C-alpha atoms as a PDB file:
ATOM      1  CA  MET A   1     -31.421  24.735  -7.031  1.00  0.00           C
ATOM      2  CA  GLN A   2     -31.255  23.760  -3.369  1.00  0.00           C
ATOM      3  CA  ARG A   3     -28.214  21.854  -2.114  1.00  0.00           C
ATOM      4  CA  LEU A   4     -27.508  20.114   1.152  1.00  0.00           C
ATOM      5  CA  GLN A   5     -24.412  21.650   2.732  1.00  0.00           C
ATOM      6  CA  ILE A   6     -22.924  20.008   5.813  1.00  0.00           C
ATOM      7  CA  VAL A   7     -20.554  22.336   7.695  1.00  0.00           C
ATOM      8  CA  THR A   8     -18.068  20.771  10.126  1.00  0.00           C
ATOM      9  CA  PRO A   9     -14.893  21.759  11.976  1.00  0.00           C
ATOM     10  CA  PRO A  10     -11.610  20.447  10.518  1.00  0.00           C
ATOM     11  CA  HIS A  11     -11.258  17.474  12.889  1.00  0.00           C
ATOM     12  CA  CYS A  12     -14.453  15.781  11.602  1.00  0.00           C
ATOM     13  CA  ARG A  13     -14.408  12.852   9.199  1.00  0.00           C
ATOM     14  CA  LEU A  14     -17.252  11.463   7.109  1.00  0.00           C
ATOM     15  CA  SER A  15     -18.214   7.829   7.216  1.00  0.00           C
ATOM     16  CA  THR A  16     -18.239   5.999   3.908  1.00  0.00           C
ATOM     17  CA  PRO A  17     -22.062   5.991   3.631  1.00  0.00           C
ATOM     18  CA  THR A  18     -22.244   9.733   4.237  1.00  0.00           C
ATOM     19  CA  ARG A  19     -19.456  10.398   1.721  1.00  0.00           C
ATOM     20  CA  LEU A  20     -21.196   8.270  -0.912  1.00  0.00           C
ATOM     21  CA  LEU A  21     -24.496  10.042  -0.264  1.00  0.00           C
ATOM     22  CA  LEU A  22     -22.898  13.482  -0.687  1.00  0.00           C
ATOM     23  CA  GLN A  23     -21.315  12.405  -3.957  1.00  0.00           C
ATOM     24  CA  SER A  24     -24.617  11.088  -5.340  1.00  0.00           C
ATOM     25  CA  MET A  25     -26.731  14.204  -4.876  1.00  0.00           C
ATOM     26  CA  PRO A  26     -26.463  17.995  -5.043  1.00  0.00           C
ATOM     27  CA  ALA A  27     -24.584  18.334  -1.774  1.00  0.00           C
ATOM     28  CA  ARG A  28     -21.319  19.618  -0.355  1.00  0.00           C
ATOM     29  CA  TRP A  29     -19.199  18.921   2.725  1.00  0.00           C
ATOM     30  CA  VAL A  30     -17.949  22.306   3.917  1.00  0.00           C
ATOM     31  CA  VAL A  31     -15.034  22.431   6.362  1.00  0.00           C
ATOM     32  CA  GLN A  32     -14.727  25.589   8.454  1.00  0.00           C
ATOM     33  CA  ASP A  33     -11.083  26.207   9.309  1.00  0.00           C
ATOM     34  CA  GLU A  34     -10.177  29.183  11.504  1.00  0.00           C
ATOM     35  CA  ARG A  35      -6.868  29.658   9.637  1.00  0.00           C
ATOM     36  CA  CYS A  36      -8.068  29.569   6.040  1.00  0.00           C
ATOM     37  CA  GLY A  37     -11.845  29.945   6.082  1.00  0.00           C
ATOM     38  CA  TYR A  38     -14.131  27.497   4.300  1.00  0.00           C
ATOM     39  CA  TYR A  39     -13.165  24.710   1.913  1.00  0.00           C
ATOM     40  CA  ASP A  40     -14.721  21.637   0.299  1.00  0.00           C
ATOM     41  CA  GLY A  41     -13.972  18.618   2.494  1.00  0.00           C
ATOM     42  CA  LEU A  42     -13.764  16.211  -0.461  1.00  0.00           C
ATOM     43  CA  THR A  43     -11.710  18.273  -2.925  1.00  0.00           C
ATOM     44  CA  GLY A  44     -10.038  20.980  -0.819  1.00  0.00           C
ATOM     45  CA  ALA A  45     -11.426  23.748  -3.059  1.00  0.00           C
ATOM     46  CA  VAL A  46     -11.588  27.101  -1.260  1.00  0.00           C
ATOM     47  CA  LEU A  47     -15.227  28.164  -0.887  1.00  0.00           C
ATOM     48  CA  THR A  48     -17.003  31.505  -0.583  1.00  0.00           C
ATOM     49  CA  TRP A  49     -20.576  32.338   0.416  1.00  0.00           C
ATOM     50  CA  GLN A  50     -22.466  33.415  -2.698  1.00  0.00           C
ATOM     51  CA  ASP A  51     -26.206  33.481  -3.495  1.00  0.00           C
ATOM     52  CA  ASP A  52     -27.217  31.677  -0.293  1.00  0.00           C
ATOM     53  CA  ALA A  53     -24.762  28.808  -0.788  1.00  0.00           C
ATOM     54  CA  PHE A  54     -21.065  27.949  -0.653  1.00  0.00           C
ATOM     55  CA  SER A  55     -19.413  28.054  -4.081  1.00  0.00           C
ATOM     56  CA  PRO A  56     -15.834  27.483  -5.258  1.00  0.00           C
ATOM     57  CA  ALA A  57     -13.734  30.640  -5.057  1.00  0.00           C
ATOM     58  CA  CYS A  58     -12.013  31.969  -8.152  1.00  0.00           C
ATOM     59  CA  GLY A  59      -8.284  32.685  -7.830  1.00  0.00           C
ATOM     60  CA  GLU A  60      -6.320  35.360  -9.666  1.00  0.00           C
ATOM     61  CA  ASN A  61      -5.499  32.887 -12.439  1.00  0.00           C
ATOM     62  CA  GLY A  62      -9.185  31.977 -12.880  1.00  0.00           C
ATOM     63  CA  GLU A  63      -8.813  28.585 -11.178  1.00  0.00           C
ATOM     64  CA  THR A  64     -10.175  27.512  -7.808  1.00  0.00           C
ATOM     65  CA  PRO A  65      -7.391  27.414  -5.200  1.00  0.00           C
ATOM     66  CA  VAL A  66      -6.968  24.472  -2.835  1.00  0.00           C
ATOM     67  CA  ALA A  67      -6.981  25.292   0.899  1.00  0.00           C
ATOM     68  CA  ASP A  68      -3.611  24.994   2.638  1.00  0.00           C
ATOM     69  CA  ALA A  69      -5.269  23.080   5.490  1.00  0.00           C
ATOM     70  CA  PHE A  70      -6.392  20.412   2.983  1.00  0.00           C
ATOM     71  CA  THR A  71      -2.883  19.730   1.681  1.00  0.00           C
ATOM     72  CA  GLN A  72      -0.853  19.899   4.909  1.00  0.00           C
ATOM     73  CA  ALA A  73       0.988  16.754   5.993  1.00  0.00           C
ATOM     74  CA  GLY A  74      -0.978  16.507   9.252  1.00  0.00           C
ATOM     75  CA  ALA A  75      -4.681  16.187   8.528  1.00  0.00           C
ATOM     76  CA  GLY A  76      -5.642  18.102  11.649  1.00  0.00           C
ATOM     77  CA  PRO A  77      -4.635  18.801  15.223  1.00  0.00           C
ATOM     78  CA  THR A  78      -4.136  15.061  15.831  1.00  0.00           C
ATOM     79  CA  GLY A  79      -2.238  14.394  12.588  1.00  0.00           C
ATOM     80  CA  GLU A  80      -4.649  11.556  11.788  1.00  0.00           C
ATOM     81  CA  ARG A  81      -5.607  10.284   8.353  1.00  0.00           C
ATOM     82  CA  GLN A  82      -8.634   8.299   7.251  1.00  0.00           C
ATOM     83  CA  LEU A  83      -8.233   4.959   5.499  1.00  0.00           C
ATOM     84  CA  SER A  84     -11.017   3.671   3.273  1.00  0.00           C
ATOM     85  CA  VAL A  85     -10.966   0.013   2.350  1.00  0.00           C
ATOM     86  CA  SER A  86     -13.335  -1.498  -0.178  1.00  0.00           C
ATOM     87  CA  PHE A  87     -13.488  -5.100  -1.283  1.00  0.00           C
ATOM     88  CA  ARG A  88     -15.949  -7.510  -2.820  1.00  0.00           C
ATOM     89  CA  THR A  89     -16.259 -11.238  -2.394  1.00  0.00           C
ATOM     90  CA  LEU A  90     -18.175 -13.765  -4.485  1.00  0.00           C
ATOM     91  CA  HIS A  91     -19.544 -16.969  -2.965  1.00  0.00           C
ATOM     92  CA  ARG A  92     -21.098 -20.023  -4.498  1.00  0.00           C
ATOM     93  CA  PRO A  93     -24.573 -20.456  -3.032  1.00  0.00           C
ATOM     94  CA  THR A  94     -24.641 -23.251  -0.505  1.00  0.00           C
ATOM     95  CA  ALA A  95     -27.030 -24.130   2.300  1.00  0.00           C
ATOM     96  CA  ASP A  96     -24.342 -23.450   4.914  1.00  0.00           C
ATOM     97  CA  LEU A  97     -23.061 -20.135   3.476  1.00  0.00           C
ATOM     98  CA  VAL A  98     -22.361 -17.530   6.184  1.00  0.00           C
ATOM     99  CA  LEU A  99     -21.360 -14.038   5.029  1.00  0.00           C
ATOM    100  CA  GLY A 100     -18.919 -11.688   6.748  1.00  0.00           C
ATOM    101  CA  GLY A 101     -15.820 -13.890   6.961  1.00  0.00           C
ATOM    102  CA  ALA A 102     -13.785 -11.748   4.558  1.00  0.00           C
ATOM    103  CA  LEU A 103     -14.825  -8.603   6.422  1.00  0.00           C
ATOM    104  CA  GLU A 104     -13.791 -10.172   9.737  1.00  0.00           C
ATOM    105  CA  ALA A 105     -10.427 -11.201   8.283  1.00  0.00           C
ATOM    106  CA  ALA A 106      -9.737  -7.714   6.921  1.00  0.00           C
ATOM    107  CA  TRP A 107     -10.862  -6.067  10.169  1.00  0.00           C
ATOM    108  CA  GLN A 108      -8.684  -8.450  12.199  1.00  0.00           C
ATOM    109  CA  ALA A 109      -5.662  -7.759   9.966  1.00  0.00           C
ATOM    110  CA  LEU A 110      -6.106  -3.996  10.340  1.00  0.00           C
ATOM    111  CA  THR A 111      -6.954  -3.834  14.050  1.00  0.00           C
ATOM    112  CA  GLY A 112      -6.173  -7.144  15.707  1.00  0.00           C
ATOM    113  CA  GLY A 113      -9.826  -7.524  16.759  1.00  0.00           C
ATOM    114  CA  LEU A 114     -13.285  -8.234  15.414  1.00  0.00           C
ATOM    115  CA  PRO A 115     -15.994  -5.711  14.519  1.00  0.00           C
ATOM    116  CA  ALA A 116     -18.156  -4.660  17.469  1.00  0.00           C
ATOM    117  CA  GLY A 117     -21.408  -3.875  15.699  1.00  0.00           C
ATOM    118  CA  TRP A 118     -23.242  -3.522  12.429  1.00  0.00           C
ATOM    119  CA  GLY A 119     -26.481  -2.353  10.858  1.00  0.00           C
ATOM    120  CA  ALA A 120     -28.214  -1.641   7.577  1.00  0.00           C
ATOM    121  CA  SER A 121     -27.883   2.104   8.241  1.00  0.00           C
ATOM    122  CA  GLU A 122     -26.115   4.558  10.513  1.00  0.00           C
ATOM    123  CA  PRO A 123     -25.840   4.478  13.428  1.00  0.00           C
ATOM    124  CA  ALA A 124     -24.982   0.784  13.440  1.00  0.00           C
ATOM    125  CA  GLY A 125     -26.574  -0.483  16.646  1.00  0.00           C
ATOM    126  CA  LEU A 126     -26.609  -4.276  16.369  1.00  0.00           C
ATOM    127  CA  THR A 127     -23.970  -6.498  17.961  1.00  0.00           C
ATOM    128  CA  TRP A 128     -21.714  -7.982  15.259  1.00  0.00           C
ATOM    129  CA  SER A 129     -23.158 -11.280  13.993  1.00  0.00           C
ATOM    130  CA  ARG A 130     -22.214 -13.040  10.772  1.00  0.00           C
ATOM    131  CA  ARG A 131     -25.385 -15.148  11.032  1.00  0.00           C
ATOM    132  CA  GLN A 132     -27.674 -12.072  11.292  1.00  0.00           C
ATOM    133  CA  LEU A 133     -25.820 -10.397   8.416  1.00  0.00           C
ATOM    134  CA  THR A 134     -26.376 -13.497   6.279  1.00  0.00           C
ATOM    135  CA  GLU A 135     -30.068 -13.648   7.208  1.00  0.00           C
ATOM    136  CA  LEU A 136     -30.574 -10.002   6.236  1.00  0.00           C
ATOM    137  CA  ALA A 137     -28.821 -10.495   2.882  1.00  0.00           C
ATOM    138  CA  TYR A 138     -30.973 -13.551   2.124  1.00  0.00           C
ATOM    139  CA  GLU A 139     -34.169 -11.656   3.044  1.00  0.00           C
ATOM    140  CA  ARG A 140     -33.264  -8.851   0.654  1.00  0.00           C
ATOM    141  CA  ALA A 141     -31.960 -11.013  -2.193  1.00  0.00           C
ATOM    142  CA  PRO A 142     -31.634 -10.638  -5.079  1.00  0.00           C
ATOM    143  CA  ARG A 143     -31.255  -6.938  -4.214  1.00  0.00           C
ATOM    144  CA  PRO A 144     -27.876  -5.960  -2.720  1.00  0.00           C
ATOM    145  CA  THR A 145     -27.613  -5.176   0.979  1.00  0.00           C
ATOM    146  CA  TRP A 146     -25.413  -2.341   2.217  1.00  0.00           C
ATOM    147  CA  THR A 147     -24.216  -2.550   5.795  1.00  0.00           C
ATOM    148  CA  VAL A 148     -22.239  -0.365   8.159  1.00  0.00           C
ATOM    149  CA  VAL A 149     -19.777  -2.049  10.505  1.00  0.00           C
ATOM    150  CA  VAL A 150     -18.264  -0.372  13.571  1.00  0.00           C
ATOM    151  CA  GLY A 151     -15.346  -1.029  15.886  1.00  0.00           C
ATOM    152  CA  THR A 152     -15.002  -0.788  19.644  1.00  0.00           C
ATOM    153  CA  GLU A 153     -14.142   2.502  21.342  1.00  0.00           C
ATOM    154  CA  GLU A 154     -10.688   1.038  22.080  1.00  0.00           C
ATOM    155  CA  LEU A 155     -10.089   0.366  18.371  1.00  0.00           C
ATOM    156  CA  VAL A 156     -11.338   3.834  17.462  1.00  0.00           C
ATOM    157  CA  SER A 157      -8.923   5.496  19.884  1.00  0.00           C
ATOM    158  CA  ARG A 158      -6.002   3.223  18.980  1.00  0.00           C
ATOM    159  CA  TYR A 159      -6.427   2.945  15.194  1.00  0.00           C
ATOM    160  CA  GLY A 160      -9.130   5.424  14.225  1.00  0.00           C
ATOM    161  CA  LEU A 161     -11.042   2.578  12.532  1.00  0.00           C
ATOM    162  CA  LYS A 162     -14.615   3.503  13.238  1.00  0.00           C
ATOM    163  CA  THR A 163     -16.876   2.453  10.385  1.00  0.00           C
ATOM    164  CA  CYS A 164     -16.762   0.310   7.317  1.00  0.00           C
ATOM    165  CA  CYS A 165     -19.307  -0.337   4.561  1.00  0.00           C
ATOM    166  CA  ALA A 166     -20.011  -3.637   2.955  1.00  0.00           C
ATOM    167  CA  SER A 167     -22.392  -4.801   0.274  1.00  0.00           C
ATOM    168  CA  CYS A 168     -23.779  -8.318   0.209  1.00  0.00           C
ATOM    169  CA  ALA A 169     -25.801  -9.838  -2.577  1.00  0.00           C
ATOM    170  CA  LYS A 170     -27.207 -13.317  -2.871  1.00  0.00           C
ATOM    171  CA  PRO A 171     -25.991 -14.831  -6.168  1.00  0.00           C
ATOM    172  CA  ALA A 172     -28.569 -15.281  -8.924  1.00  0.00           C
ATOM    173  CA  GLY A 173     -30.280 -18.628  -9.048  1.00  0.00           C
ATOM    174  CA  THR A 174     -30.234 -19.257  -5.285  1.00  0.00           C
END
């Protein structure tokens, strides 16, 4: 069976959409660390190259060891960590409903600013607009709409908050 295997250096982080995609298909995020070799970026399992693919290594006790780099207090040369926030809001359908207010409030609480951009896929290239987000969700209703939201370069460097995912769905009967 073929598997997608994304190999990155240790300082890379996956956006939420990419992480969800890797978890929903035969795929693996492989981190190449010069100190401890290769390990699974989601679980920390030490990996070896076997039969044209990375596979979990087997330790002396028969279990797969976890890479030291995965469990260290500092997540990399910068000591940064990644925060994933997920929330869901429900709205009564009204003619003046505008989506994105809860996302703006959460973003503001975490960073002190508003999102810079958004899109229905990565890379998110549209300027942040609650009205455009609402229009897209209404066009796609009753199917859910996944969006990616991004911060400014200043917020990325100050807080590391780069992307966020949101799902909007128009309530039934609207």
